[in-house]
C-alpha atoms as a PDB file:
ATOM      1  CA  MET A   1      14.243 -36.985 -15.125  1.00  0.00           C
ATOM      2  CA  PHE A   2      12.993 -35.524 -17.757  1.00  0.00           C
ATOM      3  CA  ALA A   3      16.302 -35.651 -19.975  1.00  0.00           C
ATOM      4  CA  ARG A   4      15.725 -39.061 -19.181  1.00  0.00           C
ATOM      5  CA  LEU A   5      13.004 -39.924 -19.991  1.00  0.00           C
ATOM      6  CA  SER A   6      13.587 -37.348 -23.592  1.00  0.00           C
ATOM      7  CA  LEU A   7      16.541 -39.605 -23.940  1.00  0.00           C
ATOM      8  CA  ALA A   8      15.401 -43.481 -24.030  1.00  0.00           C
ATOM      9  CA  ALA A   9      12.628 -41.864 -26.473  1.00  0.00           C
ATOM     10  CA  LEU A  10      14.863 -40.574 -28.553  1.00  0.00           C
ATOM     11  CA  LEU A  11      16.487 -43.897 -29.201  1.00  0.00           C
ATOM     12  CA  VAL A  12      13.030 -45.749 -29.051  1.00  0.00           C
ATOM     13  CA  ALA A  13      12.016 -43.428 -31.902  1.00  0.00           C
ATOM     14  CA  GLY A  14      15.694 -44.096 -33.566  1.00  0.00           C
ATOM     15  CA  ALA A  15      15.535 -47.989 -33.314  1.00  0.00           C
ATOM     16  CA  VAL A  16      11.847 -47.709 -34.521  1.00  0.00           C
ATOM     17  CA  ALA A  17      12.710 -45.843 -37.265  1.00  0.00           C
ATOM     18  CA  SER A  18      15.316 -47.770 -38.828  1.00  0.00           C
ATOM     19  CA  SER A  19      13.734 -51.010 -38.885  1.00  0.00           C
ATOM     20  CA  ASN A  20      12.870 -51.690 -42.339  1.00  0.00           C
ATOM     21  CA  THR A  21       9.134 -51.450 -43.070  1.00  0.00           C
ATOM     22  CA  ALA A  22       9.202 -54.035 -45.678  1.00  0.00           C
ATOM     23  CA  ALA A  23      10.474 -57.063 -44.047  1.00  0.00           C
ATOM     24  CA  SER A  24       8.733 -56.555 -40.722  1.00  0.00           C
ATOM     25  CA  ALA A  25       4.674 -55.721 -42.506  1.00  0.00           C
ATOM     26  CA  ASN A  26       3.101 -55.558 -38.567  1.00  0.00           C
ATOM     27  CA  ASP A  27       2.545 -51.686 -37.594  1.00  0.00           C
ATOM     28  CA  THR A  28       1.400 -52.811 -34.254  1.00  0.00           C
ATOM     29  CA  ALA A  29       4.349 -53.351 -32.354  1.00  0.00           C
ATOM     30  CA  ALA A  30       5.750 -49.799 -33.853  1.00  0.00           C
ATOM     31  CA  GLY A  31       2.702 -48.452 -32.916  1.00  0.00           C
ATOM     32  CA  ALA A  32       2.624 -49.360 -29.769  1.00  0.00           C
ATOM     33  CA  LEU A  33       6.533 -48.148 -28.931  1.00  0.00           C
ATOM     34  CA  ILE A  34       5.409 -44.735 -30.733  1.00  0.00           C
ATOM     35  CA  GLY A  35       2.787 -44.773 -28.871  1.00  0.00           C
ATOM     36  CA  GLY A  36       4.648 -45.825 -25.685  1.00  0.00           C
ATOM     37  CA  ALA A  37       7.457 -43.693 -25.912  1.00  0.00           C
ATOM     38  CA  THR A  38       5.131 -40.202 -27.030  1.00  0.00           C
ATOM     39  CA  GLY A  39       2.542 -40.995 -23.985  1.00  0.00           C
ATOM     40  CA  ALA A  40       5.114 -41.333 -21.291  1.00  0.00           C
ATOM     41  CA  ILE A  41       6.879 -38.023 -22.785  1.00  0.00           C
ATOM     42  CA  ILE A  42       3.740 -36.397 -22.827  1.00  0.00           C
ATOM     43  CA  GLY A  43       2.346 -38.038 -19.336  1.00  0.00           C
ATOM     44  CA  GLY A  44       5.788 -37.306 -17.329  1.00  0.00           C
ATOM     45  CA  ALA A  45       5.455 -33.279 -18.666  1.00  0.00           C
ATOM     46  CA  VAL A  46       2.134 -33.067 -17.992  1.00  0.00           C
ATOM     47  CA  THR A  47       2.441 -34.434 -14.398  1.00  0.00           C
ATOM     48  CA  GLY A  48       5.587 -34.289 -13.350  1.00  0.00           C
ATOM     49  CA  ARG A  49       5.848 -37.411 -11.705  1.00  0.00           C
ATOM     50  CA  ALA A  50       6.727 -41.007 -12.971  1.00  0.00           C
ATOM     51  CA  GLY A  51       3.559 -42.155 -12.260  1.00  0.00           C
ATOM     52  CA  GLY A  52       2.103 -39.954 -14.998  1.00  0.00           C
ATOM     53  CA  ALA A  53       4.695 -40.760 -17.722  1.00  0.00           C
ATOM     54  CA  VAL A  54       3.822 -44.420 -16.961  1.00  0.00           C
ATOM     55  CA  ALA A  55      -0.123 -44.398 -17.453  1.00  0.00           C
ATOM     56  CA  GLY A  56       0.994 -41.709 -20.550  1.00  0.00           C
ATOM     57  CA  ALA A  57       3.530 -44.961 -21.588  1.00  0.00           C
ATOM     58  CA  VAL A  58       0.188 -47.348 -20.963  1.00  0.00           C
ATOM     59  CA  ILE A  59      -2.318 -45.251 -22.432  1.00  0.00           C
ATOM     60  CA  GLY A  60      -0.137 -43.703 -25.808  1.00  0.00           C
ATOM     61  CA  GLY A  61       1.336 -47.960 -25.469  1.00  0.00           C
ATOM     62  CA  VAL A  62      -2.385 -49.448 -25.812  1.00  0.00           C
ATOM     63  CA  THR A  63      -3.235 -46.045 -28.647  1.00  0.00           C
ATOM     64  CA  GLY A  64      -0.738 -46.834 -31.094  1.00  0.00           C
ATOM     65  CA  ALA A  65      -1.449 -50.595 -31.127  1.00  0.00           C
ATOM     66  CA  ALA A  66      -4.932 -49.790 -32.056  1.00  0.00           C
ATOM     67  CA  ILE A  67      -3.778 -47.693 -35.130  1.00  0.00           C
ATOM     68  CA  GLY A  68      -0.776 -49.315 -36.052  1.00  0.00           C
ATOM     69  CA  ASN A  69      -2.757 -53.144 -36.287  1.00  0.00           C
ATOM     70  CA  GLN A  70      -5.794 -50.551 -38.204  1.00  0.00           C
ATOM     71  CA  SER A  71      -2.949 -49.713 -40.864  1.00  0.00           C
ATOM     72  CA  ASP A  72      -2.042 -53.666 -41.351  1.00  0.00           C
ATOM     73  CA  ARG A  73      -5.069 -54.300 -43.359  1.00  0.00           C
ATOM     74  CA  ARG A  74      -4.473 -52.176 -46.683  1.00  0.00           C
ATOM     75  CA  ARG A  75      -7.248 -50.253 -47.748  1.00  0.00           C
ATOM     76  CA  GLY A  76      -7.928 -49.730 -51.788  1.00  0.00           C
ATOM     77  CA  ARG A  77      -7.992 -51.973 -54.496  1.00  0.00           C
ATOM     78  CA  ASN A  78      -6.401 -54.857 -53.238  1.00  0.00           C
ATOM     79  CA  SER A  79      -8.463 -54.750 -49.971  1.00  0.00           C
ATOM     80  CA  TYR A  80      -9.401 -58.394 -49.406  1.00  0.00           C
ATOM     81  CA  TYR A  81      -4.879 -58.866 -48.853  1.00  0.00           C
ATOM     82  CA  TYR A  82      -4.096 -57.787 -45.977  1.00  0.00           C
ATOM     83  CA  TRP A  83      -1.001 -59.262 -43.183  1.00  0.00           C
ATOM     84  CA  SER A  84      -1.725 -61.309 -40.327  1.00  0.00           C
ATOM     85  CA  GLY A  85       1.244 -62.873 -38.011  1.00  0.00           C
ATOM     86  CA  GLY A  86       3.529 -61.455 -40.690  1.00  0.00           C
ATOM     87  CA  ARG A  87       2.209 -63.546 -43.752  1.00  0.00           C
ATOM     88  CA  CYS A  88      -0.238 -62.166 -46.244  1.00  0.00           C
ATOM     89  CA  MET A  89      -3.287 -63.302 -46.415  1.00  0.00           C
ATOM     90  CA  TYR A  90      -6.247 -63.357 -49.155  1.00  0.00           C
ATOM     91  CA  HIS A  91     -10.217 -62.919 -47.928  1.00  0.00           C
ATOM     92  CA  TYR A  92     -12.229 -64.679 -50.835  1.00  0.00           C
ATOM     93  CA  PRO A  93     -15.756 -62.461 -50.947  1.00  0.00           C
ATOM     94  CA  ASN A  94     -17.477 -65.670 -49.654  1.00  0.00           C
ATOM     95  CA  GLY A  95     -15.186 -66.112 -46.775  1.00  0.00           C
ATOM     96  CA  ARG A  96     -12.452 -68.305 -47.162  1.00  0.00           C
ATOM     97  CA  VAL A  97      -9.170 -67.231 -45.578  1.00  0.00           C
ATOM     98  CA  VAL A  98      -5.739 -68.336 -47.676  1.00  0.00           C
ATOM     99  CA  ARG A  99      -2.075 -67.438 -47.155  1.00  0.00           C
ATOM    100  CA  VAL A 100      -0.497 -65.986 -50.353  1.00  0.00           C
ATOM    101  CA  ASP A 101       2.082 -65.152 -51.709  1.00  0.00           C
ATOM    102  CA  ARG A 102       3.965 -61.352 -50.035  1.00  0.00           C
ATOM    103  CA  GLY A 103       4.322 -60.024 -52.970  1.00  0.00           C
ATOM    104  CA  ASN A 104       0.604 -59.424 -53.144  1.00  0.00           C
ATOM    105  CA  CYS A 105       0.313 -58.008 -49.825  1.00  0.00           C
ATOM    106  CA  TYR A 106       2.058 -54.042 -49.367  1.00  0.00           C
END
């Protein structure tokens, strides 16, 4: 069971690592996949049961998605540029949000 789970986790990690991060700017899905795979491995190893692996996958997936979602908003000098739904957006100081060229978000 653990060997199959480890193999599945390695396949998921390889698929996520080989994806082009410039083309897929949304880190939420990648965070959910990595977190879910890691949580399943840890949950299965700690409990030794399939239920522990499932619980670990769910908890890890939710946590990874939350962390990935937070990393979508780029901090720094371009603090008002961010990714939303695969599109680059600009948030004006007055609250207005407009879609802008993808080159502004990185």
